[in-house]
Amino acid sequence: KDKAFSAGTFFHIFAVNSLLNTLGE
């Protein structure tokens, strides 16, 4: 949670997109 919502990750669109794609599967 801390890493996913940190400024470095949360605003990095590629990281968020990769995480959501992974979770979707």
PDBML (XML) file of the C-alpha atoms, coordinates in Angstrom:
<?xml version="1.0" encoding="UTF-8" ?>
<PDBx:datablock datablockName="MODEL"
   xmlns:PDBx="http://pdbml.pdb.org/schema/pdbx-v50.xsd"
   xmlns:xsi="http://www.w3.org/2001/XMLSchema-instance"
   xsi:schemaLocation="http://pdbml.pdb.org/schema/pdbx-v50.xsd pdbx-v50.xsd">
   <PDBx:atom_siteCategory>
      <PDBx:atom_site id="1">
         <PDBx:B_iso_or_equiv>0.00</PDBx:B_iso_or_equiv>
         <PDBx:Cartn_x>0.000</PDBx:Cartn_x>
         <PDBx:Cartn_y>0.000</PDBx:Cartn_y>
         <PDBx:Cartn_z>0.000</PDBx:Cartn_z>
         <PDBx:auth_asym_id>A</PDBx:auth_asym_id>
         <PDBx:auth_atom_id>CA</PDBx:auth_atom_id>
         <PDBx:auth_comp_id>LYS</PDBx:auth_comp_id>
         <PDBx:auth_seq_id>1</PDBx:auth_seq_id>
         <PDBx:group_PDB>ATOM</PDBx:group_PDB>
         <PDBx:label_alt_id xsi:nil="true" />
         <PDBx:label_asym_id>A</PDBx:label_asym_id>
         <PDBx:label_atom_id>CA</PDBx:label_atom_id>
         <PDBx:label_comp_id>LYS</PDBx:label_comp_id>
         <PDBx:label_entity_id>1</PDBx:label_entity_id>
         <PDBx:label_seq_id>1</PDBx:label_seq_id>
         <PDBx:occupancy>1.00</PDBx:occupancy>
         <PDBx:pdbx_PDB_model_num>1</PDBx:pdbx_PDB_model_num>
         <PDBx:type_symbol>C</PDBx:type_symbol>
      </PDBx:atom_site>
      <PDBx:atom_site id="2">
         <PDBx:B_iso_or_equiv>0.00</PDBx:B_iso_or_equiv>
         <PDBx:Cartn_x>2.742</PDBx:Cartn_x>
         <PDBx:Cartn_y>2.464</PDBx:Cartn_y>
         <PDBx:Cartn_z>0.958</PDBx:Cartn_z>
         <PDBx:auth_asym_id>A</PDBx:auth_asym_id>
         <PDBx:auth_atom_id>CA</PDBx:auth_atom_id>
         <PDBx:auth_comp_id>ASP</PDBx:auth_comp_id>
         <PDBx:auth_seq_id>2</PDBx:auth_seq_id>
         <PDBx:group_PDB>ATOM</PDBx:group_PDB>
         <PDBx:label_alt_id xsi:nil="true" />
         <PDBx:label_asym_id>A</PDBx:label_asym_id>
         <PDBx:label_atom_id>CA</PDBx:label_atom_id>
         <PDBx:label_comp_id>ASP</PDBx:label_comp_id>
         <PDBx:label_entity_id>1</PDBx:label_entity_id>
         <PDBx:label_seq_id>2</PDBx:label_seq_id>
         <PDBx:occupancy>1.00</PDBx:occupancy>
         <PDBx:pdbx_PDB_model_num>1</PDBx:pdbx_PDB_model_num>
         <PDBx:type_symbol>C</PDBx:type_symbol>
      </PDBx:atom_site>
      <PDBx:atom_site id="3">
         <PDBx:B_iso_or_equiv>0.00</PDBx:B_iso_or_equiv>
         <PDBx:Cartn_x>4.656</PDBx:Cartn_x>
         <PDBx:Cartn_y>1.816</PDBx:Cartn_y>
         <PDBx:Cartn_z>-2.257</PDBx:Cartn_z>
         <PDBx:auth_asym_id>A</PDBx:auth_asym_id>
         <PDBx:auth_atom_id>CA</PDBx:auth_atom_id>
         <PDBx:auth_comp_id>LYS</PDBx:auth_comp_id>
         <PDBx:auth_seq_id>3</PDBx:auth_seq_id>
         <PDBx:group_PDB>ATOM</PDBx:group_PDB>
         <PDBx:label_alt_id xsi:nil="true" />
         <PDBx:label_asym_id>A</PDBx:label_asym_id>
         <PDBx:label_atom_id>CA</PDBx:label_atom_id>
         <PDBx:label_comp_id>LYS</PDBx:label_comp_id>
         <PDBx:label_entity_id>1</PDBx:label_entity_id>
         <PDBx:label_seq_id>3</PDBx:label_seq_id>
         <PDBx:occupancy>1.00</PDBx:occupancy>
         <PDBx:pdbx_PDB_model_num>1</PDBx:pdbx_PDB_model_num>
         <PDBx:type_symbol>C</PDBx:type_symbol>
      </PDBx:atom_site>
      <PDBx:atom_site id="4">
         <PDBx:B_iso_or_equiv>0.00</PDBx:B_iso_or_equiv>
         <PDBx:Cartn_x>1.551</PDBx:Cartn_x>
         <PDBx:Cartn_y>1.893</PDBx:Cartn_y>
         <PDBx:Cartn_z>-4.478</PDBx:Cartn_z>
         <PDBx:auth_asym_id>A</PDBx:auth_asym_id>
         <PDBx:auth_atom_id>CA</PDBx:auth_atom_id>
         <PDBx:auth_comp_id>ALA</PDBx:auth_comp_id>
         <PDBx:auth_seq_id>4</PDBx:auth_seq_id>
         <PDBx:group_PDB>ATOM</PDBx:group_PDB>
         <PDBx:label_alt_id xsi:nil="true" />
         <PDBx:label_asym_id>A</PDBx:label_asym_id>
         <PDBx:label_atom_id>CA</PDBx:label_atom_id>
         <PDBx:label_comp_id>ALA</PDBx:label_comp_id>
         <PDBx:label_entity_id>1</PDBx:label_entity_id>
         <PDBx:label_seq_id>4</PDBx:label_seq_id>
         <PDBx:occupancy>1.00</PDBx:occupancy>
         <PDBx:pdbx_PDB_model_num>1</PDBx:pdbx_PDB_model_num>
         <PDBx:type_symbol>C</PDBx:type_symbol>
      </PDBx:atom_site>
      <PDBx:atom_site id="5">
         <PDBx:B_iso_or_equiv>0.00</PDBx:B_iso_or_equiv>
         <PDBx:Cartn_x>0.396</PDBx:Cartn_x>
         <PDBx:Cartn_y>5.222</PDBx:Cartn_y>
         <PDBx:Cartn_z>-3.063</PDBx:Cartn_z>
         <PDBx:auth_asym_id>A</PDBx:auth_asym_id>
         <PDBx:auth_atom_id>CA</PDBx:auth_atom_id>
         <PDBx:auth_comp_id>PHE</PDBx:auth_comp_id>
         <PDBx:auth_seq_id>5</PDBx:auth_seq_id>
         <PDBx:group_PDB>ATOM</PDBx:group_PDB>
         <PDBx:label_alt_id xsi:nil="true" />
         <PDBx:label_asym_id>A</PDBx:label_asym_id>
         <PDBx:label_atom_id>CA</PDBx:label_atom_id>
         <PDBx:label_comp_id>PHE</PDBx:label_comp_id>
         <PDBx:label_entity_id>1</PDBx:label_entity_id>
         <PDBx:label_seq_id>5</PDBx:label_seq_id>
         <PDBx:occupancy>1.00</PDBx:occupancy>
         <PDBx:pdbx_PDB_model_num>1</PDBx:pdbx_PDB_model_num>
         <PDBx:type_symbol>C</PDBx:type_symbol>
      </PDBx:atom_site>
      <PDBx:atom_site id="6">
         <PDBx:B_iso_or_equiv>0.00</PDBx:B_iso_or_equiv>
         <PDBx:Cartn_x>3.794</PDBx:Cartn_x>
         <PDBx:Cartn_y>6.899</PDBx:Cartn_y>
         <PDBx:Cartn_z>-2.781</PDBx:Cartn_z>
         <PDBx:auth_asym_id>A</PDBx:auth_asym_id>
         <PDBx:auth_atom_id>CA</PDBx:auth_atom_id>
         <PDBx:auth_comp_id>SER</PDBx:auth_comp_id>
         <PDBx:auth_seq_id>6</PDBx:auth_seq_id>
         <PDBx:group_PDB>ATOM</PDBx:group_PDB>
         <PDBx:label_alt_id xsi:nil="true" />
         <PDBx:label_asym_id>A</PDBx:label_asym_id>
         <PDBx:label_atom_id>CA</PDBx:label_atom_id>
         <PDBx:label_comp_id>SER</PDBx:label_comp_id>
         <PDBx:label_entity_id>1</PDBx:label_entity_id>
         <PDBx:label_seq_id>6</PDBx:label_seq_id>
         <PDBx:occupancy>1.00</PDBx:occupancy>
         <PDBx:pdbx_PDB_model_num>1</PDBx:pdbx_PDB_model_num>
         <PDBx:type_symbol>C</PDBx:type_symbol>
      </PDBx:atom_site>
      <PDBx:atom_site id="7">
         <PDBx:B_iso_or_equiv>0.00</PDBx:B_iso_or_equiv>
         <PDBx:Cartn_x>4.310</PDBx:Cartn_x>
         <PDBx:Cartn_y>9.961</PDBx:Cartn_y>
         <PDBx:Cartn_z>-4.946</PDBx:Cartn_z>
         <PDBx:auth_asym_id>A</PDBx:auth_asym_id>
         <PDBx:auth_atom_id>CA</PDBx:auth_atom_id>
         <PDBx:auth_comp_id>ALA</PDBx:auth_comp_id>
         <PDBx:auth_seq_id>7</PDBx:auth_seq_id>
         <PDBx:group_PDB>ATOM</PDBx:group_PDB>
         <PDBx:label_alt_id xsi:nil="true" />
         <PDBx:label_asym_id>A</PDBx:label_asym_id>
         <PDBx:label_atom_id>CA</PDBx:label_atom_id>
         <PDBx:label_comp_id>ALA</PDBx:label_comp_id>
         <PDBx:label_entity_id>1</PDBx:label_entity_id>
         <PDBx:label_seq_id>7</PDBx:label_seq_id>
         <PDBx:occupancy>1.00</PDBx:occupancy>
         <PDBx:pdbx_PDB_model_num>1</PDBx:pdbx_PDB_model_num>
         <PDBx:type_symbol>C</PDBx:type_symbol>
      </PDBx:atom_site>
      <PDBx:atom_site id="8">
         <PDBx:B_iso_or_equiv>0.00</PDBx:B_iso_or_equiv>
         <PDBx:Cartn_x>7.000</PDBx:Cartn_x>
         <PDBx:Cartn_y>8.164</PDBx:Cartn_y>
         <PDBx:Cartn_z>-6.947</PDBx:Cartn_z>
         <PDBx:auth_asym_id>A</PDBx:auth_asym_id>
         <PDBx:auth_atom_id>CA</PDBx:auth_atom_id>
         <PDBx:auth_comp_id>GLY</PDBx:auth_comp_id>
         <PDBx:auth_seq_id>8</PDBx:auth_seq_id>
         <PDBx:group_PDB>ATOM</PDBx:group_PDB>
         <PDBx:label_alt_id xsi:nil="true" />
         <PDBx:label_asym_id>A</PDBx:label_asym_id>
         <PDBx:label_atom_id>CA</PDBx:label_atom_id>
         <PDBx:label_comp_id>GLY</PDBx:label_comp_id>
         <PDBx:label_entity_id>1</PDBx:label_entity_id>
         <PDBx:label_seq_id>8</PDBx:label_seq_id>
         <PDBx:occupancy>1.00</PDBx:occupancy>
         <PDBx:pdbx_PDB_model_num>1</PDBx:pdbx_PDB_model_num>
         <PDBx:type_symbol>C</PDBx:type_symbol>
      </PDBx:atom_site>
      <PDBx:atom_site id="9">
         <PDBx:B_iso_or_equiv>0.00</PDBx:B_iso_or_equiv>
         <PDBx:Cartn_x>4.642</PDBx:Cartn_x>
         <PDBx:Cartn_y>5.336</PDBx:Cartn_y>
         <PDBx:Cartn_z>-7.909</PDBx:Cartn_z>
         <PDBx:auth_asym_id>A</PDBx:auth_asym_id>
         <PDBx:auth_atom_id>CA</PDBx:auth_atom_id>
         <PDBx:auth_comp_id>THR</PDBx:auth_comp_id>
         <PDBx:auth_seq_id>9</PDBx:auth_seq_id>
         <PDBx:group_PDB>ATOM</PDBx:group_PDB>
         <PDBx:label_alt_id xsi:nil="true" />
         <PDBx:label_asym_id>A</PDBx:label_asym_id>
         <PDBx:label_atom_id>CA</PDBx:label_atom_id>
         <PDBx:label_comp_id>THR</PDBx:label_comp_id>
         <PDBx:label_entity_id>1</PDBx:label_entity_id>
         <PDBx:label_seq_id>9</PDBx:label_seq_id>
         <PDBx:occupancy>1.00</PDBx:occupancy>
         <PDBx:pdbx_PDB_model_num>1</PDBx:pdbx_PDB_model_num>
         <PDBx:type_symbol>C</PDBx:type_symbol>
      </PDBx:atom_site>
      <PDBx:atom_site id="10">
         <PDBx:B_iso_or_equiv>0.00</PDBx:B_iso_or_equiv>
         <PDBx:Cartn_x>1.146</PDBx:Cartn_x>
         <PDBx:Cartn_y>6.775</PDBx:Cartn_y>
         <PDBx:Cartn_z>-7.756</PDBx:Cartn_z>
         <PDBx:auth_asym_id>A</PDBx:auth_asym_id>
         <PDBx:auth_atom_id>CA</PDBx:auth_atom_id>
         <PDBx:auth_comp_id>PHE</PDBx:auth_comp_id>
         <PDBx:auth_seq_id>10</PDBx:auth_seq_id>
         <PDBx:group_PDB>ATOM</PDBx:group_PDB>
         <PDBx:label_alt_id xsi:nil="true" />
         <PDBx:label_asym_id>A</PDBx:label_asym_id>
         <PDBx:label_atom_id>CA</PDBx:label_atom_id>
         <PDBx:label_comp_id>PHE</PDBx:label_comp_id>
         <PDBx:label_entity_id>1</PDBx:label_entity_id>
         <PDBx:label_seq_id>10</PDBx:label_seq_id>
         <PDBx:occupancy>1.00</PDBx:occupancy>
         <PDBx:pdbx_PDB_model_num>1</PDBx:pdbx_PDB_model_num>
         <PDBx:type_symbol>C</PDBx:type_symbol>
      </PDBx:atom_site>
      <PDBx:atom_site id="11">
         <PDBx:B_iso_or_equiv>0.00</PDBx:B_iso_or_equiv>
         <PDBx:Cartn_x>1.939</PDBx:Cartn_x>
         <PDBx:Cartn_y>9.508</PDBx:Cartn_y>
         <PDBx:Cartn_z>-10.254</PDBx:Cartn_z>
         <PDBx:auth_asym_id>A</PDBx:auth_asym_id>
         <PDBx:auth_atom_id>CA</PDBx:auth_atom_id>
         <PDBx:auth_comp_id>PHE</PDBx:auth_comp_id>
         <PDBx:auth_seq_id>11</PDBx:auth_seq_id>
         <PDBx:group_PDB>ATOM</PDBx:group_PDB>
         <PDBx:label_alt_id xsi:nil="true" />
         <PDBx:label_asym_id>A</PDBx:label_asym_id>
         <PDBx:label_atom_id>CA</PDBx:label_atom_id>
         <PDBx:label_comp_id>PHE</PDBx:label_comp_id>
         <PDBx:label_entity_id>1</PDBx:label_entity_id>
         <PDBx:label_seq_id>11</PDBx:label_seq_id>
         <PDBx:occupancy>1.00</PDBx:occupancy>
         <PDBx:pdbx_PDB_model_num>1</PDBx:pdbx_PDB_model_num>
         <PDBx:type_symbol>C</PDBx:type_symbol>
      </PDBx:atom_site>
      <PDBx:atom_site id="12">
         <PDBx:B_iso_or_equiv>0.00</PDBx:B_iso_or_equiv>
         <PDBx:Cartn_x>4.028</PDBx:Cartn_x>
         <PDBx:Cartn_y>7.254</PDBx:Cartn_y>
         <PDBx:Cartn_z>-12.489</PDBx:Cartn_z>
         <PDBx:auth_asym_id>A</PDBx:auth_asym_id>
         <PDBx:auth_atom_id>CA</PDBx:auth_atom_id>
         <PDBx:auth_comp_id>HIS</PDBx:auth_comp_id>
         <PDBx:auth_seq_id>12</PDBx:auth_seq_id>
         <PDBx:group_PDB>ATOM</PDBx:group_PDB>
         <PDBx:label_alt_id xsi:nil="true" />
         <PDBx:label_asym_id>A</PDBx:label_asym_id>
         <PDBx:label_atom_id>CA</PDBx:label_atom_id>
         <PDBx:label_comp_id>HIS</PDBx:label_comp_id>
         <PDBx:label_entity_id>1</PDBx:label_entity_id>
         <PDBx:label_seq_id>12</PDBx:label_seq_id>
         <PDBx:occupancy>1.00</PDBx:occupancy>
         <PDBx:pdbx_PDB_model_num>1</PDBx:pdbx_PDB_model_num>
         <PDBx:type_symbol>C</PDBx:type_symbol>
      </PDBx:atom_site>
      <PDBx:atom_site id="13">
         <PDBx:B_iso_or_equiv>0.00</PDBx:B_iso_or_equiv>
         <PDBx:Cartn_x>1.417</PDBx:Cartn_x>
         <PDBx:Cartn_y>6.230</PDBx:Cartn_y>
         <PDBx:Cartn_z>-15.051</PDBx:Cartn_z>
         <PDBx:auth_asym_id>A</PDBx:auth_asym_id>
         <PDBx:auth_atom_id>CA</PDBx:auth_atom_id>
         <PDBx:auth_comp_id>ILE</PDBx:auth_comp_id>
         <PDBx:auth_seq_id>13</PDBx:auth_seq_id>
         <PDBx:group_PDB>ATOM</PDBx:group_PDB>
         <PDBx:label_alt_id xsi:nil="true" />
         <PDBx:label_asym_id>A</PDBx:label_asym_id>
         <PDBx:label_atom_id>CA</PDBx:label_atom_id>
         <PDBx:label_comp_id>ILE</PDBx:label_comp_id>
         <PDBx:label_entity_id>1</PDBx:label_entity_id>
         <PDBx:label_seq_id>13</PDBx:label_seq_id>
         <PDBx:occupancy>1.00</PDBx:occupancy>
         <PDBx:pdbx_PDB_model_num>1</PDBx:pdbx_PDB_model_num>
         <PDBx:type_symbol>C</PDBx:type_symbol>
      </PDBx:atom_site>
      <PDBx:atom_site id="14">
         <PDBx:B_iso_or_equiv>0.00</PDBx:B_iso_or_equiv>
         <PDBx:Cartn_x>3.380</PDBx:Cartn_x>
         <PDBx:Cartn_y>3.254</PDBx:Cartn_y>
         <PDBx:Cartn_z>-16.358</PDBx:Cartn_z>
         <PDBx:auth_asym_id>A</PDBx:auth_asym_id>
         <PDBx:auth_atom_id>CA</PDBx:auth_atom_id>
         <PDBx:auth_comp_id>PHE</PDBx:auth_comp_id>
         <PDBx:auth_seq_id>14</PDBx:auth_seq_id>
         <PDBx:group_PDB>ATOM</PDBx:group_PDB>
         <PDBx:label_alt_id xsi:nil="true" />
         <PDBx:label_asym_id>A</PDBx:label_asym_id>
         <PDBx:label_atom_id>CA</PDBx:label_atom_id>
         <PDBx:label_comp_id>PHE</PDBx:label_comp_id>
         <PDBx:label_entity_id>1</PDBx:label_entity_id>
         <PDBx:label_seq_id>14</PDBx:label_seq_id>
         <PDBx:occupancy>1.00</PDBx:occupancy>
         <PDBx:pdbx_PDB_model_num>1</PDBx:pdbx_PDB_model_num>
         <PDBx:type_symbol>C</PDBx:type_symbol>
      </PDBx:atom_site>
      <PDBx:atom_site id="15">
         <PDBx:B_iso_or_equiv>0.00</PDBx:B_iso_or_equiv>
         <PDBx:Cartn_x>3.776</PDBx:Cartn_x>
         <PDBx:Cartn_y>1.743</PDBx:Cartn_y>
         <PDBx:Cartn_z>-12.885</PDBx:Cartn_z>
         <PDBx:auth_asym_id>A</PDBx:auth_asym_id>
         <PDBx:auth_atom_id>CA</PDBx:auth_atom_id>
         <PDBx:auth_comp_id>ALA</PDBx:auth_comp_id>
         <PDBx:auth_seq_id>15</PDBx:auth_seq_id>
         <PDBx:group_PDB>ATOM</PDBx:group_PDB>
         <PDBx:label_alt_id xsi:nil="true" />
         <PDBx:label_asym_id>A</PDBx:label_asym_id>
         <PDBx:label_atom_id>CA</PDBx:label_atom_id>
         <PDBx:label_comp_id>ALA</PDBx:label_comp_id>
         <PDBx:label_entity_id>1</PDBx:label_entity_id>
         <PDBx:label_seq_id>15</PDBx:label_seq_id>
         <PDBx:occupancy>1.00</PDBx:occupancy>
         <PDBx:pdbx_PDB_model_num>1</PDBx:pdbx_PDB_model_num>
         <PDBx:type_symbol>C</PDBx:type_symbol>
      </PDBx:atom_site>
      <PDBx:atom_site id="16">
         <PDBx:B_iso_or_equiv>0.00</PDBx:B_iso_or_equiv>
         <PDBx:Cartn_x>0.086</PDBx:Cartn_x>
         <PDBx:Cartn_y>2.220</PDBx:Cartn_y>
         <PDBx:Cartn_z>-12.071</PDBx:Cartn_z>
         <PDBx:auth_asym_id>A</PDBx:auth_asym_id>
         <PDBx:auth_atom_id>CA</PDBx:auth_atom_id>
         <PDBx:auth_comp_id>VAL</PDBx:auth_comp_id>
         <PDBx:auth_seq_id>16</PDBx:auth_seq_id>
         <PDBx:group_PDB>ATOM</PDBx:group_PDB>
         <PDBx:label_alt_id xsi:nil="true" />
         <PDBx:label_asym_id>A</PDBx:label_asym_id>
         <PDBx:label_atom_id>CA</PDBx:label_atom_id>
         <PDBx:label_comp_id>VAL</PDBx:label_comp_id>
         <PDBx:label_entity_id>1</PDBx:label_entity_id>
         <PDBx:label_seq_id>16</PDBx:label_seq_id>
         <PDBx:occupancy>1.00</PDBx:occupancy>
         <PDBx:pdbx_PDB_model_num>1</PDBx:pdbx_PDB_model_num>
         <PDBx:type_symbol>C</PDBx:type_symbol>
      </PDBx:atom_site>
      <PDBx:atom_site id="17">
         <PDBx:B_iso_or_equiv>0.00</PDBx:B_iso_or_equiv>
         <PDBx:Cartn_x>-0.966</PDBx:Cartn_x>
         <PDBx:Cartn_y>0.804</PDBx:Cartn_y>
         <PDBx:Cartn_z>-15.436</PDBx:Cartn_z>
         <PDBx:auth_asym_id>A</PDBx:auth_asym_id>
         <PDBx:auth_atom_id>CA</PDBx:auth_atom_id>
         <PDBx:auth_comp_id>ASN</PDBx:auth_comp_id>
         <PDBx:auth_seq_id>17</PDBx:auth_seq_id>
         <PDBx:group_PDB>ATOM</PDBx:group_PDB>
         <PDBx:label_alt_id xsi:nil="true" />
         <PDBx:label_asym_id>A</PDBx:label_asym_id>
         <PDBx:label_atom_id>CA</PDBx:label_atom_id>
         <PDBx:label_comp_id>ASN</PDBx:label_comp_id>
         <PDBx:label_entity_id>1</PDBx:label_entity_id>
         <PDBx:label_seq_id>17</PDBx:label_seq_id>
         <PDBx:occupancy>1.00</PDBx:occupancy>
         <PDBx:pdbx_PDB_model_num>1</PDBx:pdbx_PDB_model_num>
         <PDBx:type_symbol>C</PDBx:type_symbol>
      </PDBx:atom_site>
      <PDBx:atom_site id="18">
         <PDBx:B_iso_or_equiv>0.00</PDBx:B_iso_or_equiv>
         <PDBx:Cartn_x>1.296</PDBx:Cartn_x>
         <PDBx:Cartn_y>-2.235</PDBx:Cartn_y>
         <PDBx:Cartn_z>-15.007</PDBx:Cartn_z>
         <PDBx:auth_asym_id>A</PDBx:auth_asym_id>
         <PDBx:auth_atom_id>CA</PDBx:auth_atom_id>
         <PDBx:auth_comp_id>SER</PDBx:auth_comp_id>
         <PDBx:auth_seq_id>18</PDBx:auth_seq_id>
         <PDBx:group_PDB>ATOM</PDBx:group_PDB>
         <PDBx:label_alt_id xsi:nil="true" />
         <PDBx:label_asym_id>A</PDBx:label_asym_id>
         <PDBx:label_atom_id>CA</PDBx:label_atom_id>
         <PDBx:label_comp_id>SER</PDBx:label_comp_id>
         <PDBx:label_entity_id>1</PDBx:label_entity_id>
         <PDBx:label_seq_id>18</PDBx:label_seq_id>
         <PDBx:occupancy>1.00</PDBx:occupancy>
         <PDBx:pdbx_PDB_model_num>1</PDBx:pdbx_PDB_model_num>
         <PDBx:type_symbol>C</PDBx:type_symbol>
      </PDBx:atom_site>
      <PDBx:atom_site id="19">
         <PDBx:B_iso_or_equiv>0.00</PDBx:B_iso_or_equiv>
         <PDBx:Cartn_x>-0.066</PDBx:Cartn_x>
         <PDBx:Cartn_y>-2.861</PDBx:Cartn_y>
         <PDBx:Cartn_z>-11.497</PDBx:Cartn_z>
         <PDBx:auth_asym_id>A</PDBx:auth_asym_id>
         <PDBx:auth_atom_id>CA</PDBx:auth_atom_id>
         <PDBx:auth_comp_id>LEU</PDBx:auth_comp_id>
         <PDBx:auth_seq_id>19</PDBx:auth_seq_id>
         <PDBx:group_PDB>ATOM</PDBx:group_PDB>
         <PDBx:label_alt_id xsi:nil="true" />
         <PDBx:label_asym_id>A</PDBx:label_asym_id>
         <PDBx:label_atom_id>CA</PDBx:label_atom_id>
         <PDBx:label_comp_id>LEU</PDBx:label_comp_id>
         <PDBx:label_entity_id>1</PDBx:label_entity_id>
         <PDBx:label_seq_id>19</PDBx:label_seq_id>
         <PDBx:occupancy>1.00</PDBx:occupancy>
         <PDBx:pdbx_PDB_model_num>1</PDBx:pdbx_PDB_model_num>
         <PDBx:type_symbol>C</PDBx:type_symbol>
      </PDBx:atom_site>
      <PDBx:atom_site id="20">
         <PDBx:B_iso_or_equiv>0.00</PDBx:B_iso_or_equiv>
         <PDBx:Cartn_x>-3.700</PDBx:Cartn_x>
         <PDBx:Cartn_y>-2.592</PDBx:Cartn_y>
         <PDBx:Cartn_z>-12.623</PDBx:Cartn_z>
         <PDBx:auth_asym_id>A</PDBx:auth_asym_id>
         <PDBx:auth_atom_id>CA</PDBx:auth_atom_id>
         <PDBx:auth_comp_id>LEU</PDBx:auth_comp_id>
         <PDBx:auth_seq_id>20</PDBx:auth_seq_id>
         <PDBx:group_PDB>ATOM</PDBx:group_PDB>
         <PDBx:label_alt_id xsi:nil="true" />
         <PDBx:label_asym_id>A</PDBx:label_asym_id>
         <PDBx:label_atom_id>CA</PDBx:label_atom_id>
         <PDBx:label_comp_id>LEU</PDBx:label_comp_id>
         <PDBx:label_entity_id>1</PDBx:label_entity_id>
         <PDBx:label_seq_id>20</PDBx:label_seq_id>
         <PDBx:occupancy>1.00</PDBx:occupancy>
         <PDBx:pdbx_PDB_model_num>1</PDBx:pdbx_PDB_model_num>
         <PDBx:type_symbol>C</PDBx:type_symbol>
      </PDBx:atom_site>
      <PDBx:atom_site id="21">
         <PDBx:B_iso_or_equiv>0.00</PDBx:B_iso_or_equiv>
         <PDBx:Cartn_x>-3.094</PDBx:Cartn_x>
         <PDBx:Cartn_y>-4.892</PDBx:Cartn_y>
         <PDBx:Cartn_z>-15.592</PDBx:Cartn_z>
         <PDBx:auth_asym_id>A</PDBx:auth_asym_id>
         <PDBx:auth_atom_id>CA</PDBx:auth_atom_id>
         <PDBx:auth_comp_id>ASN</PDBx:auth_comp_id>
         <PDBx:auth_seq_id>21</PDBx:auth_seq_id>
         <PDBx:group_PDB>ATOM</PDBx:group_PDB>
         <PDBx:label_alt_id xsi:nil="true" />
         <PDBx:label_asym_id>A</PDBx:label_asym_id>
         <PDBx:label_atom_id>CA</PDBx:label_atom_id>
         <PDBx:label_comp_id>ASN</PDBx:label_comp_id>
         <PDBx:label_entity_id>1</PDBx:label_entity_id>
         <PDBx:label_seq_id>21</PDBx:label_seq_id>
         <PDBx:occupancy>1.00</PDBx:occupancy>
         <PDBx:pdbx_PDB_model_num>1</PDBx:pdbx_PDB_model_num>
         <PDBx:type_symbol>C</PDBx:type_symbol>
      </PDBx:atom_site>
      <PDBx:atom_site id="22">
         <PDBx:B_iso_or_equiv>0.00</PDBx:B_iso_or_equiv>
         <PDBx:Cartn_x>-1.445</PDBx:Cartn_x>
         <PDBx:Cartn_y>-7.445</PDBx:Cartn_y>
         <PDBx:Cartn_z>-13.319</PDBx:Cartn_z>
         <PDBx:auth_asym_id>A</PDBx:auth_asym_id>
         <PDBx:auth_atom_id>CA</PDBx:auth_atom_id>
         <PDBx:auth_comp_id>THR</PDBx:auth_comp_id>
         <PDBx:auth_seq_id>22</PDBx:auth_seq_id>
         <PDBx:group_PDB>ATOM</PDBx:group_PDB>
         <PDBx:label_alt_id xsi:nil="true" />
         <PDBx:label_asym_id>A</PDBx:label_asym_id>
         <PDBx:label_atom_id>CA</PDBx:label_atom_id>
         <PDBx:label_comp_id>THR</PDBx:label_comp_id>
         <PDBx:label_entity_id>1</PDBx:label_entity_id>
         <PDBx:label_seq_id>22</PDBx:label_seq_id>
         <PDBx:occupancy>1.00</PDBx:occupancy>
         <PDBx:pdbx_PDB_model_num>1</PDBx:pdbx_PDB_model_num>
         <PDBx:type_symbol>C</PDBx:type_symbol>
      </PDBx:atom_site>
      <PDBx:atom_site id="23">
         <PDBx:B_iso_or_equiv>0.00</PDBx:B_iso_or_equiv>
         <PDBx:Cartn_x>-4.252</PDBx:Cartn_x>
         <PDBx:Cartn_y>-7.339</PDBx:Cartn_y>
         <PDBx:Cartn_z>-10.783</PDBx:Cartn_z>
         <PDBx:auth_asym_id>A</PDBx:auth_asym_id>
         <PDBx:auth_atom_id>CA</PDBx:auth_atom_id>
         <PDBx:auth_comp_id>LEU</PDBx:auth_comp_id>
         <PDBx:auth_seq_id>23</PDBx:auth_seq_id>
         <PDBx:group_PDB>ATOM</PDBx:group_PDB>
         <PDBx:label_alt_id xsi:nil="true" />
         <PDBx:label_asym_id>A</PDBx:label_asym_id>
         <PDBx:label_atom_id>CA</PDBx:label_atom_id>
         <PDBx:label_comp_id>LEU</PDBx:label_comp_id>
         <PDBx:label_entity_id>1</PDBx:label_entity_id>
         <PDBx:label_seq_id>23</PDBx:label_seq_id>
         <PDBx:occupancy>1.00</PDBx:occupancy>
         <PDBx:pdbx_PDB_model_num>1</PDBx:pdbx_PDB_model_num>
         <PDBx:type_symbol>C</PDBx:type_symbol>
      </PDBx:atom_site>
      <PDBx:atom_site id="24">
         <PDBx:B_iso_or_equiv>0.00</PDBx:B_iso_or_equiv>
         <PDBx:Cartn_x>-6.889</PDBx:Cartn_x>
         <PDBx:Cartn_y>-7.552</PDBx:Cartn_y>
         <PDBx:Cartn_z>-13.498</PDBx:Cartn_z>
         <PDBx:auth_asym_id>A</PDBx:auth_asym_id>
         <PDBx:auth_atom_id>CA</PDBx:auth_atom_id>
         <PDBx:auth_comp_id>GLY</PDBx:auth_comp_id>
         <PDBx:auth_seq_id>24</PDBx:auth_seq_id>
         <PDBx:group_PDB>ATOM</PDBx:group_PDB>
         <PDBx:label_alt_id xsi:nil="true" />
         <PDBx:label_asym_id>A</PDBx:label_asym_id>
         <PDBx:label_atom_id>CA</PDBx:label_atom_id>
         <PDBx:label_comp_id>GLY</PDBx:label_comp_id>
         <PDBx:label_entity_id>1</PDBx:label_entity_id>
         <PDBx:label_seq_id>24</PDBx:label_seq_id>
         <PDBx:occupancy>1.00</PDBx:occupancy>
         <PDBx:pdbx_PDB_model_num>1</PDBx:pdbx_PDB_model_num>
         <PDBx:type_symbol>C</PDBx:type_symbol>
      </PDBx:atom_site>
      <PDBx:atom_site id="25">
         <PDBx:B_iso_or_equiv>0.00</PDBx:B_iso_or_equiv>
         <PDBx:Cartn_x>-5.610</PDBx:Cartn_x>
         <PDBx:Cartn_y>-10.985</PDBx:Cartn_y>
         <PDBx:Cartn_z>-14.487</PDBx:Cartn_z>
         <PDBx:auth_asym_id>A</PDBx:auth_asym_id>
         <PDBx:auth_atom_id>CA</PDBx:auth_atom_id>
         <PDBx:auth_comp_id>GLU</PDBx:auth_comp_id>
         <PDBx:auth_seq_id>25</PDBx:auth_seq_id>
         <PDBx:group_PDB>ATOM</PDBx:group_PDB>
         <PDBx:label_alt_id xsi:nil="true" />
         <PDBx:label_asym_id>A</PDBx:label_asym_id>
         <PDBx:label_atom_id>CA</PDBx:label_atom_id>
         <PDBx:label_comp_id>GLU</PDBx:label_comp_id>
         <PDBx:label_entity_id>1</PDBx:label_entity_id>
         <PDBx:label_seq_id>25</PDBx:label_seq_id>
         <PDBx:occupancy>1.00</PDBx:occupancy>
         <PDBx:pdbx_PDB_model_num>1</PDBx:pdbx_PDB_model_num>
         <PDBx:type_symbol>C</PDBx:type_symbol>
      </PDBx:atom_site>
   </PDBx:atom_siteCategory>
</PDBx:datablock>
